[in-house]
């Protein structure tokens, strides 16, 4: 079995003002491709999808 080539991701996480108050936002870049997330759970699902055979299940229920 040939190992997959290394992958490089740039993860950015920040607070952003909204009518409800400050909220988390995130983006993940890989080469020219960038994905934006309004919730940390969406980010976790995206990352799990990138490495389904290697990633343990991430539980973010306790993140506020």
Protein backbone atom coordinates (compact mmCIF):
# COMPACT_ATOMS: atom_id res chain seq x y z
CA UNK A 1 0.00 0.00 0.00
CA UNK A 2 1.37 3.42 -0.98
CA UNK A 3 1.05 6.15 1.64
CA UNK A 4 -0.88 9.26 0.63
CA UNK A 5 1.24 12.34 -0.06
CA UNK A 6 1.41 14.86 2.78
CA UNK A 7 -1.39 17.42 2.91
CA UNK A 8 -0.93 21.00 4.10
CA UNK A 9 -3.90 22.93 5.47
CA UNK A 10 -3.99 26.49 6.81
CA UNK A 11 -6.63 26.92 9.52
CA UNK A 12 -7.82 30.38 10.54
CA UNK A 13 -10.22 30.94 13.45
CA UNK A 14 -11.53 34.37 14.54
CA UNK A 15 -14.35 36.20 16.30
CA UNK A 16 -16.73 38.23 14.16
CA UNK A 17 -19.39 40.71 15.32
CA UNK A 18 -23.01 39.76 14.62
CA UNK A 19 -26.43 40.93 15.82
CA UNK A 20 -26.30 38.11 18.41
CA UNK A 21 -22.86 39.22 19.66
CA UNK A 22 -19.42 37.97 18.71
CA UNK A 23 -19.38 34.56 17.04
CA UNK A 24 -16.65 32.14 15.92
CA UNK A 25 -15.77 31.93 12.24
CA UNK A 26 -13.19 29.69 10.58
CA UNK A 27 -11.61 29.00 7.22
CA UNK A 28 -9.44 26.18 5.94
CA UNK A 29 -7.19 26.68 2.92
CA UNK A 30 -5.44 24.03 0.89
CA UNK A 31 -3.57 25.44 -2.08
CA UNK A 32 -5.96 27.72 -3.97
CA UNK A 33 -9.04 26.15 -2.37
CA UNK A 34 -10.63 27.81 0.69
CA UNK A 35 -13.63 26.73 2.77
CA UNK A 36 -15.44 28.99 5.24
CA UNK A 37 -17.36 27.86 8.33
CA UNK A 38 -19.90 29.65 10.50
CA UNK A 39 -19.84 26.97 13.21
CA UNK A 40 -17.06 24.90 14.76
CA UNK A 41 -19.14 21.73 14.23
CA UNK A 42 -19.10 22.37 10.46
CA UNK A 43 -15.32 22.72 10.59
CA UNK A 44 -14.99 19.43 12.51
CA UNK A 45 -17.19 17.61 9.97
CA UNK A 46 -15.13 18.99 7.09
CA UNK A 47 -11.84 17.88 8.66
CA UNK A 48 -13.23 14.42 9.43
CA UNK A 49 -14.27 14.13 5.78
CA UNK A 50 -10.71 14.87 4.67
CA UNK A 51 -9.31 11.94 6.68
CA UNK A 52 -12.18 9.49 7.23
CA UNK A 53 -9.97 6.44 7.77
CA UNK A 54 -7.59 8.18 10.18
CA UNK A 55 -9.61 10.67 12.18
CA UNK A 56 -11.27 9.75 15.47
CA UNK A 57 -14.74 11.15 15.96
CA UNK A 58 -14.62 14.73 17.19
CA UNK A 59 -17.23 15.75 19.77
CA UNK A 60 -17.88 19.48 20.00
CA UNK A 61 -21.13 19.40 21.97
CA UNK A 62 -19.39 21.00 24.95
CA UNK A 63 -17.90 23.89 22.93
CA UNK A 64 -19.73 27.13 23.62
